[in-house]
Amino acid sequence: MTTATLPELRACLVPGCPRRYEMVAALTGQPPARPGWTVDGWRHTSIINIFGCSVCPDHDPLVTAHQPSVQQPVDGLWRSSCACGTWAPDPVVVLATLRPLWEQHVLTVSGALPKEV
């Protein structure tokens, strides 16, 4: 009896993006189980404290234009800002809280969320 291997799918970093690629196929050079799951055009980057994030070709320009930078805390507070120059949230104690704030910024800039009032 053979066991079917389920595809190991990776999602785009941008929340709500339906794009996926098949990780094992990408690593082994084999074709993906579905043509839409190819790794072609995907980029890998680090965002805030999350390493190995995948960005689909559709969102690569958006993520590149809004790449955040993070400053190590001197006073116990993490600071971040966006490459676009329009986003710099209040300093935070927990580094992981910056990522959802950055995601909200990217979704707002892309038009997926309404502009903040």
PDB file of N, CA and C in Angstrom:
ATOM      1  N   MET A   1       0.842  -1.171   0.000  1.00  0.00           N
ATOM      2  CA  MET A   1       0.000   0.000   0.000  1.00  0.00           C
ATOM      3  C   MET A   1       0.898   1.249   0.000  1.00  0.00           C
ATOM      4  N   THR A   2       0.620   2.156  -0.900  1.00  0.00           N
ATOM      5  CA  THR A   2       1.380   3.406  -0.950  1.00  0.00           C
ATOM      6  C   THR A   2       0.570   4.513  -0.296  1.00  0.00           C
ATOM      7  N   THR A   3       1.282   5.410   0.278  1.00  0.00           N
ATOM      8  CA  THR A   3       0.635   6.539   0.929  1.00  0.00           C
ATOM      9  C   THR A   3       0.840   7.779   0.076  1.00  0.00           C
ATOM     10  N   ALA A   4      -0.233   8.472  -0.210  1.00  0.00           N
ATOM     11  CA  ALA A   4      -0.129   9.704  -0.988  1.00  0.00           C
ATOM     12  C   ALA A   4       0.453  10.799  -0.107  1.00  0.00           C
ATOM     13  N   THR A   5       1.360  11.555  -0.670  1.00  0.00           N
ATOM     14  CA  THR A   5       1.953  12.665   0.052  1.00  0.00           C
ATOM     15  C   THR A   5       1.178  13.932  -0.286  1.00  0.00           C
ATOM     16  N   LEU A   6       0.732  14.605   0.752  1.00  0.00           N
ATOM     17  CA  LEU A   6       0.022  15.860   0.534  1.00  0.00           C
ATOM     18  C   LEU A   6       1.031  16.952   0.201  1.00  0.00           C
ATOM     19  N   PRO A   7       0.667  17.867  -0.671  1.00  0.00           N
ATOM     20  CA  PRO A   7       1.602  18.947  -1.006  1.00  0.00           C
ATOM     21  C   PRO A   7       1.835  19.861   0.192  1.00  0.00           C
ATOM     22  N   GLU A   8       3.054  20.320   0.315  1.00  0.00           N
ATOM     23  CA  GLU A   8       3.439  21.258   1.368  1.00  0.00           C
ATOM     24  C   GLU A   8       3.348  22.654   0.765  1.00  0.00           C
ATOM     25  N   LEU A   9       2.244  23.345   1.021  1.00  0.00           N
ATOM     26  CA  LEU A   9       2.002  24.632   0.390  1.00  0.00           C
ATOM     27  C   LEU A   9       2.488  25.780   1.261  1.00  0.00           C
ATOM     28  N   ARG A  10       3.026  26.797   0.632  1.00  0.00           N
ATOM     29  CA  ARG A  10       3.434  28.028   1.300  1.00  0.00           C
ATOM     30  C   ARG A  10       2.574  29.158   0.757  1.00  0.00           C
ATOM     31  N   ALA A  11       2.161  30.050   1.644  1.00  0.00           N
ATOM     32  CA  ALA A  11       1.271  31.152   1.282  1.00  0.00           C
ATOM     33  C   ALA A  11       2.042  32.453   1.159  1.00  0.00           C
ATOM     34  N   CYS A  12       1.443  33.385   0.448  1.00  0.00           N
ATOM     35  CA  CYS A  12       2.000  34.719   0.322  1.00  0.00           C
ATOM     36  C   CYS A  12       1.905  35.436   1.661  1.00  0.00           C
ATOM     37  N   LEU A  13       2.894  36.251   1.942  1.00  0.00           N
ATOM     38  CA  LEU A  13       2.968  37.039   3.167  1.00  0.00           C
ATOM     39  C   LEU A  13       1.797  38.020   3.309  1.00  0.00           C
ATOM     40  N   VAL A  14       1.296  38.532   2.200  1.00  0.00           N
ATOM     41  CA  VAL A  14       0.233  39.547   2.249  1.00  0.00           C
ATOM     42  C   VAL A  14      -1.087  38.877   2.661  1.00  0.00           C
ATOM     43  N   PRO A  15      -1.677  39.314   3.770  1.00  0.00           N
ATOM     44  CA  PRO A  15      -2.917  38.699   4.247  1.00  0.00           C
ATOM     45  C   PRO A  15      -4.015  38.738   3.185  1.00  0.00           C
ATOM     46  N   GLY A  16      -4.722  37.632   3.067  1.00  0.00           N
ATOM     47  CA  GLY A  16      -5.825  37.540   2.117  1.00  0.00           C
ATOM     48  C   GLY A  16      -5.427  37.103   0.719  1.00  0.00           C
ATOM     49  N   CYS A  17      -4.140  37.015   0.432  1.00  0.00           N
ATOM     50  CA  CYS A  17      -3.710  36.584  -0.897  1.00  0.00           C
ATOM     51  C   CYS A  17      -3.967  35.081  -1.051  1.00  0.00           C
ATOM     52  N   PRO A  18      -4.638  34.683  -2.121  1.00  0.00           N
ATOM     53  CA  PRO A  18      -4.939  33.263  -2.298  1.00  0.00           C
ATOM     54  C   PRO A  18      -3.786  32.458  -2.932  1.00  0.00           C
ATOM     55  N   ARG A  19      -2.721  33.112  -3.370  1.00  0.00           N
ATOM     56  CA  ARG A  19      -1.635  32.421  -4.065  1.00  0.00           C
ATOM     57  C   ARG A  19      -0.862  31.499  -3.130  1.00  0.00           C
ATOM     58  N   ARG A  20      -0.420  30.351  -3.677  1.00  0.00           N
ATOM     59  CA  ARG A  20       0.363  29.353  -2.950  1.00  0.00           C
ATOM     60  C   ARG A  20       1.415  28.771  -3.887  1.00  0.00           C
ATOM     61  N   TYR A  21       2.480  28.236  -3.299  1.00  0.00           N
ATOM     62  CA  TYR A  21       3.405  27.425  -4.084  1.00  0.00           C
ATOM     63  C   TYR A  21       3.734  26.167  -3.303  1.00  0.00           C
ATOM     64  N   GLU A  22       4.133  25.129  -4.034  1.00  0.00           N
ATOM     65  CA  GLU A  22       4.405  23.836  -3.422  1.00  0.00           C
ATOM     66  C   GLU A  22       5.881  23.762  -3.050  1.00  0.00           C
ATOM     67  N   MET A  23       6.167  23.734  -1.756  1.00  0.00           N
ATOM     68  CA  MET A  23       7.524  23.799  -1.236  1.00  0.00           C
ATOM     69  C   MET A  23       8.388  22.606  -1.653  1.00  0.00           C
ATOM     70  N   VAL A  24       7.898  21.386  -1.513  1.00  0.00           N
ATOM     71  CA  VAL A  24       8.703  20.205  -1.832  1.00  0.00           C
ATOM     72  C   VAL A  24       9.053  20.189  -3.315  1.00  0.00           C
ATOM     73  N   ALA A  25       8.103  20.525  -4.158  1.00  0.00           N
ATOM     74  CA  ALA A  25       8.377  20.577  -5.594  1.00  0.00           C
ATOM     75  C   ALA A  25       9.439  21.631  -5.889  1.00  0.00           C
ATOM     76  N   ALA A  26       9.370  22.764  -5.200  1.00  0.00           N
ATOM     77  CA  ALA A  26      10.353  23.831  -5.414  1.00  0.00           C
ATOM     78  C   ALA A  26      11.748  23.375  -4.995  1.00  0.00           C
ATOM     79  N   LEU A  27      11.840  22.644  -3.893  1.00  0.00           N
ATOM     80  CA  LEU A  27      13.138  22.189  -3.388  1.00  0.00           C
ATOM     81  C   LEU A  27      13.736  21.057  -4.213  1.00  0.00           C
ATOM     82  N   THR A  28      12.875  20.198  -4.755  1.00  0.00           N
ATOM     83  CA  THR A  28      13.370  19.031  -5.486  1.00  0.00           C
ATOM     84  C   THR A  28      13.469  19.256  -6.989  1.00  0.00           C
ATOM     85  N   GLY A  29      12.893  20.348  -7.467  1.00  0.00           N
ATOM     86  CA  GLY A  29      12.908  20.605  -8.904  1.00  0.00           C
ATOM     87  C   GLY A  29      11.831  19.854  -9.669  1.00  0.00           C
ATOM     88  N   GLN A  30      10.976  19.166  -8.959  1.00  0.00           N
ATOM     89  CA  GLN A  30       9.872  18.441  -9.585  1.00  0.00           C
ATOM     90  C   GLN A  30       8.746  19.407  -9.919  1.00  0.00           C
ATOM     91  N   PRO A  31       7.917  19.075 -10.897  1.00  0.00           N
ATOM     92  CA  PRO A  31       6.775  19.954 -11.173  1.00  0.00           C
ATOM     93  C   PRO A  31       5.769  19.880 -10.021  1.00  0.00           C
ATOM     94  N   PRO A  32       5.093  20.990  -9.720  1.00  0.00           N
ATOM     95  CA  PRO A  32       4.100  20.969  -8.640  1.00  0.00           C
ATOM     96  C   PRO A  32       2.884  20.129  -9.035  1.00  0.00           C
ATOM     97  N   ALA A  33       2.113  19.724  -8.033  1.00  0.00           N
ATOM     98  CA  ALA A  33       0.918  18.907  -8.274  1.00  0.00           C
ATOM     99  C   ALA A  33      -0.101  19.655  -9.128  1.00  0.00           C
ATOM    100  N   ARG A  34      -0.121  20.965  -9.018  1.00  0.00           N
ATOM    101  CA  ARG A  34      -1.007  21.802  -9.840  1.00  0.00           C
ATOM    102  C   ARG A  34      -0.161  22.897 -10.484  1.00  0.00           C
ATOM    103  N   PRO A  35      -0.471  23.262 -11.720  1.00  0.00           N
ATOM    104  CA  PRO A  35       0.326  24.300 -12.395  1.00  0.00           C
ATOM    105  C   PRO A  35       0.351  25.633 -11.649  1.00  0.00           C
ATOM    106  N   GLY A  36      -0.704  25.985 -10.953  1.00  0.00           N
ATOM    107  CA  GLY A  36      -0.768  27.242 -10.220  1.00  0.00           C
ATOM    108  C   GLY A  36       0.102  27.270  -8.971  1.00  0.00           C
ATOM    109  N   TRP A  37       0.682  26.145  -8.602  1.00  0.00           N
ATOM    110  CA  TRP A  37       1.498  26.061  -7.391  1.00  0.00           C
ATOM    111  C   TRP A  37       2.991  26.156  -7.675  1.00  0.00           C
ATOM    112  N   THR A  38       3.370  26.713  -8.794  1.00  0.00           N
ATOM    113  CA  THR A  38       4.783  26.839  -9.124  1.00  0.00           C
ATOM    114  C   THR A  38       5.444  27.935  -8.303  1.00  0.00           C
ATOM    115  N   VAL A  39       6.739  27.798  -8.062  1.00  0.00           N
ATOM    116  CA  VAL A  39       7.491  28.764  -7.264  1.00  0.00           C
ATOM    117  C   VAL A  39       8.023  29.911  -8.133  1.00  0.00           C
ATOM    118  N   ASP A  40       7.827  29.823  -9.427  1.00  0.00           N
ATOM    119  CA  ASP A  40       8.357  30.835 -10.353  1.00  0.00           C
ATOM    120  C   ASP A  40       7.883  32.239  -9.964  1.00  0.00           C
ATOM    121  N   GLY A  41       8.834  33.150  -9.799  1.00  0.00           N
ATOM    122  CA  GLY A  41       8.520  34.542  -9.508  1.00  0.00           C
ATOM    123  C   GLY A  41       8.363  34.866  -8.037  1.00  0.00           C
ATOM    124  N   TRP A  42       8.345  33.850  -7.178  1.00  0.00           N
ATOM    125  CA  TRP A  42       8.208  34.109  -5.738  1.00  0.00           C
ATOM    126  C   TRP A  42       9.536  34.611  -5.187  1.00  0.00           C
ATOM    127  N   ARG A  43       9.464  35.417  -4.132  1.00  0.00           N
ATOM    128  CA  ARG A  43      10.656  35.930  -3.459  1.00  0.00           C
ATOM    129  C   ARG A  43      10.544  35.598  -1.977  1.00  0.00           C
ATOM    130  N   HIS A  44      11.685  35.386  -1.354  1.00  0.00           N
ATOM    131  CA  HIS A  44      11.715  35.077   0.077  1.00  0.00           C
ATOM    132  C   HIS A  44      12.411  36.219   0.800  1.00  0.00           C
ATOM    133  N   THR A  45      11.826  36.641   1.903  1.00  0.00           N
ATOM    134  CA  THR A  45      12.334  37.791   2.636  1.00  0.00           C
ATOM    135  C   THR A  45      12.044  37.623   4.122  1.00  0.00           C
ATOM    136  N   SER A  46      12.555  38.518   4.914  1.00  0.00           N
ATOM    137  CA  SER A  46      12.239  38.563   6.345  1.00  0.00           C
ATOM    138  C   SER A  46      11.447  39.843   6.601  1.00  0.00           C
ATOM    139  N   ILE A  47      10.384  39.721   7.334  1.00  0.00           N
ATOM    140  CA  ILE A  47       9.573  40.880   7.699  1.00  0.00           C
ATOM    141  C   ILE A  47       9.493  40.918   9.217  1.00  0.00           C
ATOM    142  N   ILE A  48       9.936  42.033   9.785  1.00  0.00           N
ATOM    143  CA  ILE A  48       9.952  42.233  11.227  1.00  0.00           C
ATOM    144  C   ILE A  48      10.691  41.052  11.868  1.00  0.00           C
ATOM    145  N   ASN A  49      10.042  40.225  12.658  1.00  0.00           N
ATOM    146  CA  ASN A  49      10.738  39.131  13.328  1.00  0.00           C
ATOM    147  C   ASN A  49      10.417  37.772  12.728  1.00  0.00           C
ATOM    148  N   ILE A  50       9.790  37.750  11.565  1.00  0.00           N
ATOM    149  CA  ILE A  50       9.411  36.484  10.941  1.00  0.00           C
ATOM    150  C   ILE A  50      10.390  36.206   9.813  1.00  0.00           C
ATOM    151  N   PHE A  51      11.136  35.116   9.902  1.00  0.00           N
ATOM    152  CA  PHE A  51      12.121  34.785   8.881  1.00  0.00           C
ATOM    153  C   PHE A  51      11.516  33.837   7.857  1.00  0.00           C
ATOM    154  N   GLY A  52      11.987  33.916   6.629  1.00  0.00           N
ATOM    155  CA  GLY A  52      11.550  33.004   5.590  1.00  0.00           C
ATOM    156  C   GLY A  52      10.160  33.268   5.062  1.00  0.00           C
ATOM    157  N   CYS A  53       9.739  34.504   5.023  1.00  0.00           N
ATOM    158  CA  CYS A  53       8.427  34.843   4.477  1.00  0.00           C
ATOM    159  C   CYS A  53       8.463  34.738   2.963  1.00  0.00           C
ATOM    160  N   SER A  54       7.379  34.274   2.385  1.00  0.00           N
ATOM    161  CA  SER A  54       7.257  34.153   0.939  1.00  0.00           C
ATOM    162  C   SER A  54       6.357  35.249   0.406  1.00  0.00           C
ATOM    163  N   VAL A  55       6.774  35.839  -0.704  1.00  0.00           N
ATOM    164  CA  VAL A  55       5.998  36.906  -1.334  1.00  0.00           C
ATOM    165  C   VAL A  55       5.723  36.489  -2.775  1.00  0.00           C
ATOM    166  N   CYS A  56       4.437  36.461  -3.146  1.00  0.00           N
ATOM    167  CA  CYS A  56       4.076  36.047  -4.507  1.00  0.00           C
ATOM    168  C   CYS A  56       4.450  37.141  -5.513  1.00  0.00           C
ATOM    169  N   PRO A  57       4.546  36.776  -6.789  1.00  0.00           N
ATOM    170  CA  PRO A  57       4.897  37.776  -7.805  1.00  0.00           C
ATOM    171  C   PRO A  57       3.929  38.954  -7.869  1.00  0.00           C
ATOM    172  N   ASP A  58       2.655  38.718  -7.568  1.00  0.00           N
ATOM    173  CA  ASP A  58       1.664  39.800  -7.607  1.00  0.00           C
ATOM    174  C   ASP A  58       1.940  40.861  -6.547  1.00  0.00           C
ATOM    175  N   HIS A  59       2.432  40.442  -5.380  1.00  0.00           N
ATOM    176  CA  HIS A  59       2.620  41.362  -4.257  1.00  0.00           C
ATOM    177  C   HIS A  59       4.073  41.767  -4.034  1.00  0.00           C
ATOM    178  N   ASP A  60       4.990  41.247  -4.811  1.00  0.00           N
ATOM    179  CA  ASP A  60       6.401  41.587  -4.625  1.00  0.00           C
ATOM    180  C   ASP A  60       6.656  43.094  -4.714  1.00  0.00           C
ATOM    181  N   PRO A  61       6.117  43.810  -5.715  1.00  0.00           N
ATOM    182  CA  PRO A  61       6.355  45.259  -5.764  1.00  0.00           C
ATOM    183  C   PRO A  61       5.800  45.987  -4.531  1.00  0.00           C
ATOM    184  N   LEU A  62       4.642  45.569  -4.051  1.00  0.00           N
ATOM    185  CA  LEU A  62       4.024  46.184  -2.872  1.00  0.00           C
ATOM    186  C   LEU A  62       4.891  45.973  -1.633  1.00  0.00           C
ATOM    187  N   VAL A  63       5.331  44.735  -1.410  1.00  0.00           N
ATOM    188  CA  VAL A  63       6.143  44.430  -0.232  1.00  0.00           C
ATOM    189  C   VAL A  63       7.501  45.116  -0.330  1.00  0.00           C
ATOM    190  N   THR A  64       8.082  45.167  -1.515  1.00  0.00           N
ATOM    191  CA  THR A  64       9.373  45.839  -1.696  1.00  0.00           C
ATOM    192  C   THR A  64       9.257  47.329  -1.378  1.00  0.00           C
ATOM    193  N   ALA A  65       8.191  47.960  -1.844  1.00  0.00           N
ATOM    194  CA  ALA A  65       7.996  49.395  -1.607  1.00  0.00           C
ATOM    195  C   ALA A  65       7.697  49.705  -0.139  1.00  0.00           C
ATOM    196  N   HIS A  66       7.260  48.699   0.601  1.00  0.00           N
ATOM    197  CA  HIS A  66       6.867  48.916   1.998  1.00  0.00           C
ATOM    198  C   HIS A  66       7.659  48.028   2.960  1.00  0.00           C
ATOM    199  N   GLN A  67       8.900  47.760   2.607  1.00  0.00           N
ATOM    200  CA  GLN A  67       9.769  46.942   3.465  1.00  0.00           C
ATOM    201  C   GLN A  67      10.005  47.675   4.792  1.00  0.00           C
ATOM    202  N   PRO A  68       9.652  47.053   5.914  1.00  0.00           N
ATOM    203  CA  PRO A  68       9.847  47.734   7.193  1.00  0.00           C
ATOM    204  C   PRO A  68      11.279  47.581   7.705  1.00  0.00           C
ATOM    205  N   SER A  69      11.677  48.520   8.504  1.00  0.00           N
ATOM    206  CA  SER A  69      12.947  48.388   9.231  1.00  0.00           C
ATOM    207  C   SER A  69      12.610  48.395  10.712  1.00  0.00           C
ATOM    208  N   VAL A  70      13.411  47.688  11.476  1.00  0.00           N
ATOM    209  CA  VAL A  70      13.185  47.582  12.914  1.00  0.00           C
ATOM    210  C   VAL A  70      14.453  48.006  13.633  1.00  0.00           C
ATOM    211  N   GLN A  71      14.291  48.841  14.641  1.00  0.00           N
ATOM    212  CA  GLN A  71      15.421  49.297  15.439  1.00  0.00           C
ATOM    213  C   GLN A  71      15.420  48.545  16.766  1.00  0.00           C
ATOM    214  N   GLN A  72      16.600  48.010  17.106  1.00  0.00           N
ATOM    215  CA  GLN A  72      16.768  47.309  18.376  1.00  0.00           C
ATOM    216  C   GLN A  72      16.457  48.253  19.534  1.00  0.00           C
ATOM    217  N   PRO A  73      15.821  47.745  20.576  1.00  0.00           N
ATOM    218  CA  PRO A  73      15.465  48.626  21.692  1.00  0.00           C
ATOM    219  C   PRO A  73      16.673  49.012  22.542  1.00  0.00           C
ATOM    220  N   VAL A  74      16.755  50.285  22.835  1.00  0.00           N
ATOM    221  CA  VAL A  74      17.756  50.785  23.768  1.00  0.00           C
ATOM    222  C   VAL A  74      17.065  50.999  25.112  1.00  0.00           C
ATOM    223  N   ASP A  75      15.802  51.403  25.030  1.00  0.00           N
ATOM    224  CA  ASP A  75      15.025  51.696  26.230  1.00  0.00           C
ATOM    225  C   ASP A  75      13.942  50.653  26.497  1.00  0.00           C
ATOM    226  N   GLY A  76      14.064  49.475  25.854  1.00  0.00           N
ATOM    227  CA  GLY A  76      13.076  48.414  26.039  1.00  0.00           C
ATOM    228  C   GLY A  76      11.917  48.479  25.074  1.00  0.00           C
ATOM    229  N   LEU A  77      11.912  49.463  24.162  1.00  0.00           N
ATOM    230  CA  LEU A  77      10.820  49.619  23.199  1.00  0.00           C
ATOM    231  C   LEU A  77      11.335  49.394  21.777  1.00  0.00           C
ATOM    232  N   TRP A  78      10.608  48.572  21.032  1.00  0.00           N
ATOM    233  CA  TRP A  78      10.946  48.313  19.631  1.00  0.00           C
ATOM    234  C   TRP A  78      10.324  49.396  18.760  1.00  0.00           C
ATOM    235  N   ARG A  79      11.069  49.875  17.790  1.00  0.00           N
ATOM    236  CA  ARG A  79      10.581  50.886  16.857  1.00  0.00           C
ATOM    237  C   ARG A  79      10.690  50.345  15.438  1.00  0.00           C
ATOM    238  N   SER A  80       9.754  50.760  14.612  1.00  0.00           N
ATOM    239  CA  SER A  80       9.766  50.328  13.220  1.00  0.00           C
ATOM    240  C   SER A  80       9.308  51.481  12.336  1.00  0.00           C
ATOM    241  N   SER A  81       9.702  51.414  11.079  1.00  0.00           N
ATOM    242  CA  SER A  81       9.231  52.380  10.092  1.00  0.00           C
ATOM    243  C   SER A  81       9.214  51.694   8.736  1.00  0.00           C
ATOM    244  N   CYS A  82       8.494  52.285   7.818  1.00  0.00           N
ATOM    245  CA  CYS A  82       8.332  51.717   6.480  1.00  0.00           C
ATOM    246  C   CYS A  82       9.217  52.456   5.482  1.00  0.00           C
ATOM    247  N   ALA A  83       9.667  51.738   4.472  1.00  0.00           N
ATOM    248  CA  ALA A  83      10.487  52.340   3.413  1.00  0.00           C
ATOM    249  C   ALA A  83       9.749  53.449   2.684  1.00  0.00           C
ATOM    250  N   CYS A  84       8.419  53.428   2.692  1.00  0.00           N
ATOM    251  CA  CYS A  84       7.636  54.454   1.997  1.00  0.00           C
ATOM    252  C   CYS A  84       7.668  55.792   2.729  1.00  0.00           C
ATOM    253  N   GLY A  85       8.023  55.780   4.012  1.00  0.00           N
ATOM    254  CA  GLY A  85       8.108  57.004   4.792  1.00  0.00           C
ATOM    255  C   GLY A  85       6.797  57.470   5.400  1.00  0.00           C
ATOM    256  N   THR A  86       5.708  56.736   5.197  1.00  0.00           N
ATOM    257  CA  THR A  86       4.412  57.184   5.713  1.00  0.00           C
ATOM    258  C   THR A  86       3.943  56.400   6.926  1.00  0.00           C
ATOM    259  N   TRP A  87       4.715  55.411   7.365  1.00  0.00           N
ATOM    260  CA  TRP A  87       4.281  54.559   8.473  1.00  0.00           C
ATOM    261  C   TRP A  87       5.393  54.420   9.495  1.00  0.00           C
ATOM    262  N   ALA A  88       5.097  54.747  10.720  1.00  0.00           N
ATOM    263  CA  ALA A  88       5.995  54.551  11.853  1.00  0.00           C
ATOM    264  C   ALA A  88       5.098  54.447  13.084  1.00  0.00           C
ATOM    265  N   PRO A  89       4.752  53.235  13.483  1.00  0.00           N
ATOM    266  CA  PRO A  89       3.832  53.082  14.613  1.00  0.00           C
ATOM    267  C   PRO A  89       4.485  53.511  15.924  1.00  0.00           C
ATOM    268  N   ASP A  90       3.649  53.684  16.922  1.00  0.00           N
ATOM    269  CA  ASP A  90       4.175  53.966  18.254  1.00  0.00           C
ATOM    270  C   ASP A  90       5.093  52.829  18.677  1.00  0.00           C
ATOM    271  N   PRO A  91       6.142  53.117  19.450  1.00  0.00           N
ATOM    272  CA  PRO A  91       7.035  52.060  19.936  1.00  0.00           C
ATOM    273  C   PRO A  91       6.249  51.012  20.724  1.00  0.00           C
ATOM    274  N   VAL A  92       6.715  49.754  20.644  1.00  0.00           N
ATOM    275  CA  VAL A  92       6.038  48.644  21.316  1.00  0.00           C
ATOM    276  C   VAL A  92       7.022  47.882  22.197  1.00  0.00           C
ATOM    277  N   VAL A  93       6.496  47.191  23.185  1.00  0.00           N
ATOM    278  CA  VAL A  93       7.320  46.378  24.077  1.00  0.00           C
ATOM    279  C   VAL A  93       7.588  45.013  23.451  1.00  0.00           C
ATOM    280  N   VAL A  94       6.574  44.431  22.802  1.00  0.00           N
ATOM    281  CA  VAL A  94       6.687  43.095  22.221  1.00  0.00           C
ATOM    282  C   VAL A  94       6.909  43.222  20.709  1.00  0.00           C
ATOM    283  N   LEU A  95       8.062  42.744  20.252  1.00  0.00           N
ATOM    284  CA  LEU A  95       8.417  42.850  18.836  1.00  0.00           C
ATOM    285  C   LEU A  95       7.357  42.261  17.919  1.00  0.00           C
ATOM    286  N   ALA A  96       6.784  41.127  18.293  1.00  0.00           N
ATOM    287  CA  ALA A  96       5.808  40.439  17.439  1.00  0.00           C
ATOM    288  C   ALA A  96       4.571  41.275  17.148  1.00  0.00           C
ATOM    289  N   THR A  97       4.298  42.305  17.935  1.00  0.00           N
ATOM    290  CA  THR A  97       3.116  43.129  17.683  1.00  0.00           C
ATOM    291  C   THR A  97       3.320  44.069  16.497  1.00  0.00           C
ATOM    292  N   LEU A  98       4.550  44.232  16.034  1.00  0.00           N
ATOM    293  CA  LEU A  98       4.785  45.119  14.890  1.00  0.00           C
ATOM    294  C   LEU A  98       4.290  44.520  13.579  1.00  0.00           C
ATOM    295  N   ARG A  99       4.368  43.201  13.443  1.00  0.00           N
ATOM    296  CA  ARG A  99       3.968  42.609  12.166  1.00  0.00           C
ATOM    297  C   ARG A  99       2.505  42.874  11.815  1.00  0.00           C
ATOM    298  N   PRO A 100       1.537  42.641  12.711  1.00  0.00           N
ATOM    299  CA  PRO A 100       0.155  42.946  12.322  1.00  0.00           C
ATOM    300  C   PRO A 100      -0.068  44.427  12.032  1.00  0.00           C
ATOM    301  N   LEU A 101       0.672  45.288  12.706  1.00  0.00           N
ATOM    302  CA  LEU A 101       0.566  46.721  12.409  1.00  0.00           C
ATOM    303  C   LEU A 101       1.077  47.017  11.002  1.00  0.00           C
ATOM    304  N   TRP A 102       2.198  46.375  10.636  1.00  0.00           N
ATOM    305  CA  TRP A 102       2.739  46.545   9.282  1.00  0.00           C
ATOM    306  C   TRP A 102       1.781  45.965   8.248  1.00  0.00           C
ATOM    307  N   GLU A 103       1.193  44.799   8.542  1.00  0.00           N
ATOM    308  CA  GLU A 103       0.229  44.190   7.620  1.00  0.00           C
ATOM    309  C   GLU A 103      -0.960  45.124   7.391  1.00  0.00           C
ATOM    310  N   GLN A 104      -1.436  45.752   8.452  1.00  0.00           N
ATOM    311  CA  GLN A 104      -2.540  46.699   8.316  1.00  0.00           C
ATOM    312  C   GLN A 104      -2.127  47.859   7.413  1.00  0.00           C
ATOM    313  N   HIS A 105      -0.915  48.351   7.593  1.00  0.00           N
ATOM    314  CA  HIS A 105      -0.406  49.440   6.744  1.00  0.00           C
ATOM    315  C   HIS A 105      -0.391  49.009   5.275  1.00  0.00           C
ATOM    316  N   VAL A 106       0.148  47.832   4.997  1.00  0.00           N
ATOM    317  CA  VAL A 106       0.235  47.350   3.611  1.00  0.00           C
ATOM    318  C   VAL A 106      -1.149  47.170   3.008  1.00  0.00           C
ATOM    319  N   LEU A 107      -2.070  46.610   3.772  1.00  0.00           N
ATOM    320  CA  LEU A 107      -3.429  46.422   3.262  1.00  0.00           C
ATOM    321  C   LEU A 107      -4.140  47.756   3.044  1.00  0.00           C
ATOM    322  N   THR A 108      -3.863  48.733   3.882  1.00  0.00           N
ATOM    323  CA  THR A 108      -4.457  50.061   3.708  1.00  0.00           C
ATOM    324  C   THR A 108      -3.905  50.727   2.460  1.00  0.00           C
ATOM    325  N   VAL A 109      -2.594  50.670   2.288  1.00  0.00           N
ATOM    326  CA  VAL A 109      -1.958  51.287   1.117  1.00  0.00           C
ATOM    327  C   VAL A 109      -2.422  50.617  -0.181  1.00  0.00           C
ATOM    328  N   SER A 110      -2.628  49.296  -0.121  1.00  0.00           N
ATOM    329  CA  SER A 110      -3.041  48.570  -1.333  1.00  0.00           C
ATOM    330  C   SER A 110      -4.519  48.780  -1.663  1.00  0.00           C
ATOM    331  N   GLY A 111      -5.277  49.356  -0.713  1.00  0.00           N
ATOM    332  CA  GLY A 111      -6.700  49.587  -0.951  1.00  0.00           C
ATOM    333  C   GLY A 111      -7.586  48.467  -0.436  1.00  0.00           C
ATOM    334  N   ALA A 112      -6.984  47.399   0.127  1.00  0.00           N
ATOM    335  CA  ALA A 112      -7.775  46.295   0.646  1.00  0.00           C
ATOM    336  C   ALA A 112      -8.491  46.657   1.939  1.00  0.00           C
ATOM    337  N   LEU A 113      -7.963  47.659   2.645  1.00  0.00           N
ATOM    338  CA  LEU A 113      -8.620  48.183   3.860  1.00  0.00           C
ATOM    339  C   LEU A 113      -8.854  49.677   3.658  1.00  0.00           C
ATOM    340  N   PRO A 114      -9.896  50.212   4.276  1.00  0.00           N
ATOM    341  CA  PRO A 114     -10.112  51.672   4.155  1.00  0.00           C
ATOM    342  C   PRO A 114      -9.022  52.430   4.894  1.00  0.00           C
ATOM    343  N   LYS A 115      -8.767  53.634   4.439  1.00  0.00           N
ATOM    344  CA  LYS A 115      -7.756  54.489   5.081  1.00  0.00           C
ATOM    345  C   LYS A 115      -8.214  54.804   6.505  1.00  0.00           C
ATOM    346  N   GLU A 116      -7.234  54.880   7.403  1.00  0.00           N
ATOM    347  CA  GLU A 116      -7.544  55.192   8.793  1.00  0.00           C
ATOM    348  C   GLU A 116      -7.999  56.643   8.912  1.00  0.00           C
ATOM    349  N   VAL A 117      -8.870  56.902   9.867  1.00  0.00           N
ATOM    350  CA  VAL A 117      -9.354  58.262  10.072  1.00  0.00           C
ATOM    351  C   VAL A 117      -8.628  58.940  11.194  1.00  0.00           C
TER     352      VAL A 117
END
